[in-house]
PDB file of N, CA and C in Angstrom:
ATOM      1  N   MET A   1     -16.093   2.071   8.886  1.00  0.00           N
ATOM      2  CA  MET A   1     -16.530   1.331   7.714  1.00  0.00           C
ATOM      3  C   MET A   1     -16.920  -0.078   8.134  1.00  0.00           C
ATOM      4  N   ALA A   2     -18.047  -0.557   7.646  1.00  0.00           N
ATOM      5  CA  ALA A   2     -18.535  -1.894   7.973  1.00  0.00           C
ATOM      6  C   ALA A   2     -17.680  -2.952   7.297  1.00  0.00           C
ATOM      7  N   GLN A   3     -17.549  -4.088   7.972  1.00  0.00           N
ATOM      8  CA  GLN A   3     -16.804  -5.199   7.382  1.00  0.00           C
ATOM      9  C   GLN A   3     -17.617  -5.797   6.239  1.00  0.00           C
ATOM     10  N   GLN A   4     -16.962  -6.060   5.125  1.00  0.00           N
ATOM     11  CA  GLN A   4     -17.617  -6.657   3.970  1.00  0.00           C
ATOM     12  C   GLN A   4     -17.249  -8.126   3.897  1.00  0.00           C
ATOM     13  N   LYS A   5     -18.256  -8.957   3.677  1.00  0.00           N
ATOM     14  CA  LYS A   5     -18.040 -10.389   3.532  1.00  0.00           C
ATOM     15  C   LYS A   5     -18.672 -10.815   2.213  1.00  0.00           C
ATOM     16  N   ILE A   6     -17.890 -11.478   1.375  1.00  0.00           N
ATOM     17  CA  ILE A   6     -18.419 -11.968   0.116  1.00  0.00           C
ATOM     18  C   ILE A   6     -18.148 -13.465   0.033  1.00  0.00           C
ATOM     19  N   PHE A   7     -19.162 -14.199  -0.329  1.00  0.00           N
ATOM     20  CA  PHE A   7     -19.067 -15.642  -0.480  1.00  0.00           C
ATOM     21  C   PHE A   7     -19.547 -15.983  -1.879  1.00  0.00           C
ATOM     22  N   GLY A   8     -18.909 -16.934  -2.496  1.00  0.00           N
ATOM     23  CA  GLY A   8     -19.348 -17.339  -3.819  1.00  0.00           C
ATOM     24  C   GLY A   8     -18.877 -18.735  -4.150  1.00  0.00           C
ATOM     25  N   TYR A   9     -19.598 -19.348  -5.051  1.00  0.00           N
ATOM     26  CA  TYR A   9     -19.204 -20.669  -5.532  1.00  0.00           C
ATOM     27  C   TYR A   9     -19.797 -20.881  -6.912  1.00  0.00           C
ATOM     28  N   ALA A  10     -19.276 -21.874  -7.598  1.00  0.00           N
ATOM     29  CA  ALA A  10     -19.781 -22.254  -8.918  1.00  0.00           C
ATOM     30  C   ALA A  10     -20.424 -23.628  -8.800  1.00  0.00           C
ATOM     31  N   ASN A  11     -21.335 -23.931  -9.731  1.00  0.00           N
ATOM     32  CA  ASN A  11     -22.000 -25.230  -9.684  1.00  0.00           C
ATOM     33  C   ASN A  11     -21.143 -26.345 -10.274  1.00  0.00           C
ATOM     34  N   ARG A  12     -19.997 -25.984 -10.892  1.00  0.00           N
ATOM     35  CA  ARG A  12     -19.089 -26.980 -11.453  1.00  0.00           C
ATOM     36  C   ARG A  12     -17.657 -26.582 -11.115  1.00  0.00           C
ATOM     37  N   ILE A  13     -16.789 -27.563 -10.980  1.00  0.00           N
ATOM     38  CA  ILE A  13     -15.389 -27.289 -10.657  1.00  0.00           C
ATOM     39  C   ILE A  13     -14.615 -26.880 -11.894  1.00  0.00           C
ATOM     40  N   SER A  14     -14.909 -27.494 -13.022  1.00  0.00           N
ATOM     41  CA  SER A  14     -14.226 -27.143 -14.265  1.00  0.00           C
ATOM     42  C   SER A  14     -15.197 -27.304 -15.433  1.00  0.00           C
ATOM     43  N   VAL A  15     -14.904 -26.603 -16.516  1.00  0.00           N
ATOM     44  CA  VAL A  15     -15.735 -26.667 -17.718  1.00  0.00           C
ATOM     45  C   VAL A  15     -14.842 -26.660 -18.951  1.00  0.00           C
ATOM     46  N   ARG A  16     -15.398 -27.124 -20.037  1.00  0.00           N
ATOM     47  CA  ARG A  16     -14.730 -27.078 -21.338  1.00  0.00           C
ATOM     48  C   ARG A  16     -15.395 -25.979 -22.156  1.00  0.00           C
ATOM     49  N   PRO A  17     -14.711 -25.482 -23.180  1.00  0.00           N
ATOM     50  CA  PRO A  17     -15.342 -24.465 -24.036  1.00  0.00           C
ATOM     51  C   PRO A  17     -16.711 -24.938 -24.542  1.00  0.00           C
ATOM     52  N   GLY A  18     -17.698 -24.075 -24.391  1.00  0.00           N
ATOM     53  CA  GLY A  18     -19.060 -24.391 -24.806  1.00  0.00           C
ATOM     54  C   GLY A  18     -19.943 -24.912 -23.687  1.00  0.00           C
ATOM     55  N   ASP A  19     -19.354 -25.371 -22.563  1.00  0.00           N
ATOM     56  CA  ASP A  19     -20.132 -25.817 -21.408  1.00  0.00           C
ATOM     57  C   ASP A  19     -20.640 -24.596 -20.644  1.00  0.00           C
ATOM     58  N   ASN A  20     -21.690 -24.778 -19.870  1.00  0.00           N
ATOM     59  CA  ASN A  20     -22.222 -23.711 -19.024  1.00  0.00           C
ATOM     60  C   ASN A  20     -21.766 -23.905 -17.590  1.00  0.00           C
ATOM     61  N   ILE A  21     -21.614 -22.791 -16.889  1.00  0.00           N
ATOM     62  CA  ILE A  21     -21.285 -22.798 -15.468  1.00  0.00           C
ATOM     63  C   ILE A  21     -22.097 -21.681 -14.816  1.00  0.00           C
ATOM     64  N   SER A  22     -22.607 -21.938 -13.618  1.00  0.00           N
ATOM     65  CA  SER A  22     -23.375 -20.934 -12.882  1.00  0.00           C
ATOM     66  C   SER A  22     -22.596 -20.507 -11.654  1.00  0.00           C
ATOM     67  N   PHE A  23     -22.630 -19.199 -11.369  1.00  0.00           N
ATOM     68  CA  PHE A  23     -21.966 -18.645 -10.199  1.00  0.00           C
ATOM     69  C   PHE A  23     -23.033 -18.133  -9.233  1.00  0.00           C
ATOM     70  N   PHE A  24     -22.824 -18.377  -7.953  1.00  0.00           N
ATOM     71  CA  PHE A  24     -23.741 -17.939  -6.919  1.00  0.00           C
ATOM     72  C   PHE A  24     -22.954 -17.089  -5.938  1.00  0.00           C
ATOM     73  N   VAL A  25     -23.421 -15.858  -5.714  1.00  0.00           N
ATOM     74  CA  VAL A  25     -22.677 -14.911  -4.891  1.00  0.00           C
ATOM     75  C   VAL A  25     -23.579 -14.309  -3.836  1.00  0.00           C
ATOM     76  N   ASN A  26     -23.052 -14.187  -2.640  1.00  0.00           N
ATOM     77  CA  ASN A  26     -23.742 -13.549  -1.532  1.00  0.00           C
ATOM     78  C   ASN A  26     -22.784 -12.517  -0.951  1.00  0.00           C
ATOM     79  N   CYS A  27     -23.259 -11.300  -0.737  1.00  0.00           N
ATOM     80  CA  CYS A  27     -22.399 -10.248  -0.202  1.00  0.00           C
ATOM     81  C   CYS A  27     -23.088  -9.598   0.988  1.00  0.00           C
ATOM     82  N   ASP A  28     -22.357  -9.483   2.070  1.00  0.00           N
ATOM     83  CA  ASP A  28     -22.867  -8.844   3.275  1.00  0.00           C
ATOM     84  C   ASP A  28     -21.981  -7.636   3.562  1.00  0.00           C
ATOM     85  N   GLY A  29     -22.541  -6.446   3.540  1.00  0.00           N
ATOM     86  CA  GLY A  29     -21.770  -5.242   3.808  1.00  0.00           C
ATOM     87  C   GLY A  29     -21.496  -4.418   2.572  1.00  0.00           C
ATOM     88  N   ALA A  30     -21.970  -4.871   1.408  1.00  0.00           N
ATOM     89  CA  ALA A  30     -21.814  -4.116   0.161  1.00  0.00           C
ATOM     90  C   ALA A  30     -22.974  -4.493  -0.758  1.00  0.00           C
ATOM     91  N   SER A  31     -23.301  -3.619  -1.683  1.00  0.00           N
ATOM     92  CA  SER A  31     -24.420  -3.888  -2.582  1.00  0.00           C
ATOM     93  C   SER A  31     -23.969  -4.327  -3.972  1.00  0.00           C
ATOM     94  N   GLU A  32     -22.653  -4.262  -4.238  1.00  0.00           N
ATOM     95  CA  GLU A  32     -22.147  -4.732  -5.522  1.00  0.00           C
ATOM     96  C   GLU A  32     -20.732  -5.275  -5.349  1.00  0.00           C
ATOM     97  N   ALA A  33     -20.314  -6.068  -6.337  1.00  0.00           N
ATOM     98  CA  ALA A  33     -18.976  -6.662  -6.309  1.00  0.00           C
ATOM     99  C   ALA A  33     -18.412  -6.678  -7.721  1.00  0.00           C
ATOM    100  N   GLN A  34     -17.111  -6.737  -7.811  1.00  0.00           N
ATOM    101  CA  GLN A  34     -16.401  -6.805  -9.088  1.00  0.00           C
ATOM    102  C   GLN A  34     -16.101  -8.272  -9.378  1.00  0.00           C
ATOM    103  N   ALA A  35     -16.377  -8.734 -10.596  1.00  0.00           N
ATOM    104  CA  ALA A  35     -16.110 -10.117 -10.988  1.00  0.00           C
ATOM    105  C   ALA A  35     -15.150 -10.155 -12.167  1.00  0.00           C
ATOM    106  N   GLN A  36     -14.270 -11.141 -12.172  1.00  0.00           N
ATOM    107  CA  GLN A  36     -13.335 -11.369 -13.278  1.00  0.00           C
ATOM    108  C   GLN A  36     -13.153 -12.873 -13.415  1.00  0.00           C
ATOM    109  N   LEU A  37     -13.527 -13.426 -14.558  1.00  0.00           N
ATOM    110  CA  LEU A  37     -13.326 -14.844 -14.813  1.00  0.00           C
ATOM    111  C   LEU A  37     -11.853 -15.078 -15.138  1.00  0.00           C
ATOM    112  N   VAL A  38     -11.267 -16.091 -14.502  1.00  0.00           N
ATOM    113  CA  VAL A  38      -9.859 -16.414 -14.739  1.00  0.00           C
ATOM    114  C   VAL A  38      -9.706 -17.912 -14.978  1.00  0.00           C
ATOM    115  N   ARG A  39      -8.649 -18.257 -15.689  1.00  0.00           N
ATOM    116  CA  ARG A  39      -8.248 -19.659 -15.832  1.00  0.00           C
ATOM    117  C   ARG A  39      -7.103 -19.865 -14.841  1.00  0.00           C
ATOM    118  N   LEU A  40      -7.301 -20.784 -13.898  1.00  0.00           N
ATOM    119  CA  LEU A  40      -6.257 -21.075 -12.921  1.00  0.00           C
ATOM    120  C   LEU A  40      -5.252 -22.013 -13.570  1.00  0.00           C
ATOM    121  N   VAL A  41      -4.037 -21.525 -13.761  1.00  0.00           N
ATOM    122  CA  VAL A  41      -2.966 -22.313 -14.363  1.00  0.00           C
ATOM    123  C   VAL A  41      -2.273 -23.138 -13.280  1.00  0.00           C
ATOM    124  N   HIS A  42      -2.008 -22.498 -12.150  1.00  0.00           N
ATOM    125  CA  HIS A  42      -1.375 -23.183 -11.036  1.00  0.00           C
ATOM    126  C   HIS A  42      -1.776 -22.496  -9.745  1.00  0.00           C
ATOM    127  N   GLY A  43      -2.163 -23.271  -8.745  1.00  0.00           N
ATOM    128  CA  GLY A  43      -2.621 -22.690  -7.494  1.00  0.00           C
ATOM    129  C   GLY A  43      -1.723 -22.973  -6.306  1.00  0.00           C
ATOM    130  N   ASP A  44      -0.561 -23.600  -6.533  1.00  0.00           N
ATOM    131  CA  ASP A  44       0.346 -23.938  -5.442  1.00  0.00           C
ATOM    132  C   ASP A  44       1.135 -22.709  -5.010  1.00  0.00           C
ATOM    133  N   THR A  45       0.888 -22.242  -3.803  1.00  0.00           N
ATOM    134  CA  THR A  45       1.594 -21.053  -3.312  1.00  0.00           C
ATOM    135  C   THR A  45       2.794 -21.409  -2.439  1.00  0.00           C
ATOM    136  N   HIS A  46       3.130 -22.692  -2.347  1.00  0.00           N
ATOM    137  CA  HIS A  46       4.294 -23.108  -1.558  1.00  0.00           C
ATOM    138  C   HIS A  46       5.542 -22.461  -2.121  1.00  0.00           C
ATOM    139  N   GLU A  47       6.470 -22.054  -1.250  1.00  0.00           N
ATOM    140  CA  GLU A  47       7.668 -21.335  -1.685  1.00  0.00           C
ATOM    141  C   GLU A  47       8.525 -22.140  -2.664  1.00  0.00           C
ATOM    142  N   ALA A  48       8.448 -23.468  -2.640  1.00  0.00           N
ATOM    143  CA  ALA A  48       9.221 -24.287  -3.569  1.00  0.00           C
ATOM    144  C   ALA A  48       8.474 -24.524  -4.887  1.00  0.00           C
ATOM    145  N   GLY A  49       7.214 -24.112  -4.933  1.00  0.00           N
ATOM    146  CA  GLY A  49       6.416 -24.327  -6.136  1.00  0.00           C
ATOM    147  C   GLY A  49       6.464 -23.129  -7.076  1.00  0.00           C
ATOM    148  N   PRO A  50       5.716 -23.204  -8.176  1.00  0.00           N
ATOM    149  CA  PRO A  50       5.720 -22.117  -9.160  1.00  0.00           C
ATOM    150  C   PRO A  50       4.924 -20.889  -8.738  1.00  0.00           C
ATOM    151  N   GLY A  51       4.171 -20.984  -7.659  1.00  0.00           N
ATOM    152  CA  GLY A  51       3.354 -19.852  -7.219  1.00  0.00           C
ATOM    153  C   GLY A  51       1.983 -19.864  -7.862  1.00  0.00           C
ATOM    154  N   HIS A  52       1.178 -18.937  -7.435  1.00  0.00           N
ATOM    155  CA  HIS A  52      -0.187 -18.796  -7.952  1.00  0.00           C
ATOM    156  C   HIS A  52      -0.118 -18.140  -9.335  1.00  0.00           C
ATOM    157  N   VAL A  53      -0.665 -18.833 -10.345  1.00  0.00           N
ATOM    158  CA  VAL A  53      -0.650 -18.307 -11.712  1.00  0.00           C
ATOM    159  C   VAL A  53      -2.061 -18.405 -12.280  1.00  0.00           C
ATOM    160  N   GLU A  54      -2.597 -17.272 -12.725  1.00  0.00           N
ATOM    161  CA  GLU A  54      -3.913 -17.265 -13.349  1.00  0.00           C
ATOM    162  C   GLU A  54      -3.889 -16.339 -14.558  1.00  0.00           C
ATOM    163  N   VAL A  55      -4.806 -16.631 -15.509  1.00  0.00           N
ATOM    164  CA  VAL A  55      -4.920 -15.840 -16.727  1.00  0.00           C
ATOM    165  C   VAL A  55      -6.342 -15.278 -16.784  1.00  0.00           C
ATOM    166  N   GLU A  56      -6.464 -13.951 -16.898  1.00  0.00           N
ATOM    167  CA  GLU A  56      -7.785 -13.337 -16.997  1.00  0.00           C
ATOM    168  C   GLU A  56      -8.397 -13.650 -18.361  1.00  0.00           C
ATOM    169  N   LEU A  57      -9.690 -13.983 -18.376  1.00  0.00           N
ATOM    170  CA  LEU A  57     -10.404 -14.325 -19.597  1.00  0.00           C
ATOM    171  C   LEU A  57     -11.459 -13.281 -19.905  1.00  0.00           C
ATOM    172  N   GLU A  58     -11.653 -12.993 -21.176  1.00  0.00           N
ATOM    173  CA  GLU A  58     -12.746 -12.113 -21.590  1.00  0.00           C
ATOM    174  C   GLU A  58     -14.038 -12.906 -21.489  1.00  0.00           C
ATOM    175  N   CYS A  59     -15.018 -12.340 -20.811  1.00  0.00           N
ATOM    176  CA  CYS A  59     -16.275 -13.058 -20.599  1.00  0.00           C
ATOM    177  C   CYS A  59     -17.351 -12.053 -20.206  1.00  0.00           C
ATOM    178  N   PRO A  60     -18.610 -12.300 -20.593  1.00  0.00           N
ATOM    179  CA  PRO A  60     -19.692 -11.382 -20.229  1.00  0.00           C
ATOM    180  C   PRO A  60     -19.901 -11.230 -18.724  1.00  0.00           C
ATOM    181  N   VAL A  61     -19.430 -12.167 -17.927  1.00  0.00           N
ATOM    182  CA  VAL A  61     -19.614 -12.082 -16.477  1.00  0.00           C
ATOM    183  C   VAL A  61     -18.665 -11.057 -15.844  1.00  0.00           C
ATOM    184  N   ASN A  62     -17.604 -10.668 -16.527  1.00  0.00           N
ATOM    185  CA  ASN A  62     -16.656  -9.698 -15.989  1.00  0.00           C
ATOM    186  C   ASN A  62     -17.331  -8.343 -15.792  1.00  0.00           C
ATOM    187  N   GLY A  63     -17.027  -7.698 -14.687  1.00  0.00           N
ATOM    188  CA  GLY A  63     -17.571  -6.367 -14.426  1.00  0.00           C
ATOM    189  C   GLY A  63     -18.199  -6.277 -13.051  1.00  0.00           C
ATOM    190  N   ARG A  64     -18.955  -5.217 -12.831  1.00  0.00           N
ATOM    191  CA  ARG A  64     -19.610  -4.978 -11.546  1.00  0.00           C
ATOM    192  C   ARG A  64     -21.017  -5.571 -11.568  1.00  0.00           C
ATOM    193  N   TRP A  65     -21.373  -6.223 -10.468  1.00  0.00           N
ATOM    194  CA  TRP A  65     -22.666  -6.895 -10.349  1.00  0.00           C
ATOM    195  C   TRP A  65     -23.324  -6.506  -9.036  1.00  0.00           C
ATOM    196  N   ALA A  66     -24.630  -6.323  -9.080  1.00  0.00           N
ATOM    197  CA  ALA A  66     -25.395  -6.132  -7.850  1.00  0.00           C
ATOM    198  C   ALA A  66     -25.452  -7.469  -7.123  1.00  0.00           C
ATOM    199  N   VAL A  67     -25.173  -7.444  -5.829  1.00  0.00           N
ATOM    200  CA  VAL A  67     -25.219  -8.668  -5.027  1.00  0.00           C
ATOM    201  C   VAL A  67     -25.972  -8.382  -3.730  1.00  0.00           C
ATOM    202  N   PRO A  68     -27.272  -8.605  -3.735  1.00  0.00           N
ATOM    203  CA  PRO A  68     -28.059  -8.349  -2.534  1.00  0.00           C
ATOM    204  C   PRO A  68     -27.710  -9.342  -1.430  1.00  0.00           C
ATOM    205  N   VAL A  69     -27.922  -8.933  -0.191  1.00  0.00           N
ATOM    206  CA  VAL A  69     -27.704  -9.809   0.955  1.00  0.00           C
ATOM    207  C   VAL A  69     -28.772 -10.889   0.939  1.00  0.00           C
ATOM    208  N   MET A  70     -28.339 -12.128   1.031  1.00  0.00           N
ATOM    209  CA  MET A  70     -29.262 -13.258   1.082  1.00  0.00           C
ATOM    210  C   MET A  70     -29.303 -13.777   2.508  1.00  0.00           C
ATOM    211  N   ARG A  71     -30.458 -13.845   3.074  1.00  0.00           N
ATOM    212  CA  ARG A  71     -30.603 -14.358   4.434  1.00  0.00           C
ATOM    213  C   ARG A  71     -30.890 -15.856   4.375  1.00  0.00           C
ATOM    214  N   GLN A  72     -29.898 -16.603   3.915  1.00  0.00           N
ATOM    215  CA  GLN A  72     -30.018 -18.056   3.812  1.00  0.00           C
ATOM    216  C   GLN A  72     -28.632 -18.665   3.928  1.00  0.00           C
ATOM    217  N   PRO A  73     -28.538 -19.950   4.218  1.00  0.00           N
ATOM    218  CA  PRO A  73     -27.217 -20.578   4.331  1.00  0.00           C
ATOM    219  C   PRO A  73     -26.460 -20.499   3.008  1.00  0.00           C
ATOM    220  N   ILE A  74     -25.145 -20.358   3.082  1.00  0.00           N
ATOM    221  CA  ILE A  74     -24.328 -20.228   1.884  1.00  0.00           C
ATOM    222  C   ILE A  74     -24.355 -21.502   1.039  1.00  0.00           C
ATOM    223  N   ILE A  75     -24.623 -22.649   1.630  1.00  0.00           N
ATOM    224  CA  ILE A  75     -24.635 -23.884   0.846  1.00  0.00           C
ATOM    225  C   ILE A  75     -25.900 -24.016   0.005  1.00  0.00           C
ATOM    226  N   SER A  76     -26.874 -23.167   0.240  1.00  0.00           N
ATOM    227  CA  SER A  76     -28.098 -23.180  -0.545  1.00  0.00           C
ATOM    228  C   SER A  76     -27.909 -22.294  -1.775  1.00  0.00           C
ATOM    229  N   PRO A  77     -28.339 -22.748  -2.972  1.00  0.00           N
ATOM    230  CA  PRO A  77     -28.166 -21.913  -4.167  1.00  0.00           C
ATOM    231  C   PRO A  77     -28.823 -20.546  -4.011  1.00  0.00           C
ATOM    232  N   ALA A  78     -28.066 -19.504  -4.258  1.00  0.00           N
ATOM    233  CA  ALA A  78     -28.590 -18.146  -4.171  1.00  0.00           C
ATOM    234  C   ALA A  78     -29.476 -17.857  -5.373  1.00  0.00           C
ATOM    235  N   ARG A  79     -30.405 -16.957  -5.216  1.00  0.00           N
ATOM    236  CA  ARG A  79     -31.322 -16.635  -6.303  1.00  0.00           C
ATOM    237  C   ARG A  79     -30.695 -15.750  -7.373  1.00  0.00           C
ATOM    238  N   ASN A  80     -29.504 -15.227  -7.114  1.00  0.00           N
ATOM    239  CA  ASN A  80     -28.901 -14.338  -8.103  1.00  0.00           C
ATOM    240  C   ASN A  80     -27.807 -15.040  -8.897  1.00  0.00           C
ATOM    241  N   GLY A  81     -27.937 -16.365  -9.102  1.00  0.00           N
ATOM    242  CA  GLY A  81     -26.956 -17.114  -9.885  1.00  0.00           C
ATOM    243  C   GLY A  81     -26.890 -16.582 -11.304  1.00  0.00           C
ATOM    244  N   THR A  82     -25.715 -16.481 -11.853  1.00  0.00           N
ATOM    245  CA  THR A  82     -25.500 -15.984 -13.201  1.00  0.00           C
ATOM    246  C   THR A  82     -24.839 -17.089 -14.010  1.00  0.00           C
ATOM    247  N   SER A  83     -25.468 -17.502 -15.096  1.00  0.00           N
ATOM    248  CA  SER A  83     -24.903 -18.532 -15.941  1.00  0.00           C
ATOM    249  C   SER A  83     -24.165 -17.898 -17.103  1.00  0.00           C
ATOM    250  N   VAL A  84     -22.997 -18.400 -17.390  1.00  0.00           N
ATOM    251  CA  VAL A  84     -22.234 -17.922 -18.531  1.00  0.00           C
ATOM    252  C   VAL A  84     -21.597 -19.106 -19.223  1.00  0.00           C
ATOM    253  N   SER A  85     -21.284 -18.946 -20.481  1.00  0.00           N
ATOM    254  CA  SER A  85     -20.518 -19.951 -21.204  1.00  0.00           C
ATOM    255  C   SER A  85     -19.074 -19.478 -21.250  1.00  0.00           C
ATOM    256  N   PRO A  86     -18.118 -20.371 -20.932  1.00  0.00           N
ATOM    257  CA  PRO A  86     -16.726 -19.947 -20.999  1.00  0.00           C
ATOM    258  C   PRO A  86     -16.319 -19.614 -22.422  1.00  0.00           C
ATOM    259  N   PRO A  87     -15.383 -18.699 -22.580  1.00  0.00           N
ATOM    260  CA  PRO A  87     -14.956 -18.336 -23.921  1.00  0.00           C
ATOM    261  C   PRO A  87     -14.311 -19.515 -24.626  1.00  0.00           C
ATOM    262  N   LYS A  88     -14.503 -19.612 -25.918  1.00  0.00           N
ATOM    263  CA  LYS A  88     -13.889 -20.684 -26.687  1.00  0.00           C
ATOM    264  C   LYS A  88     -12.429 -20.329 -26.907  1.00  0.00           C
ATOM    265  N   SER A  89     -11.532 -21.317 -26.610  1.00  0.00           N
ATOM    266  CA  SER A  89     -10.111 -21.022 -26.780  1.00  0.00           C
ATOM    267  C   SER A  89      -9.576 -21.552 -28.096  1.00  0.00           C
TER     268      SER A  89
END
């Protein structure tokens, strides 16, 4: 089985309800990927901390997406960016 490499980033670090965010994904070794939007509550994985805590959010971006291989640097915006609005809480 070929090694699969997936790279992705968003154009913003955080958003408020009603703001837009774009995701850019590049996959090498697979033609599709599974996406799930989450709210990161806590990301500290240190043994003395609370651990990694995230909450899955309902969003149109959730599900399987075609991700063609892009022959370009990962820091360059991919052509398959998907814009979504975060769910209103």
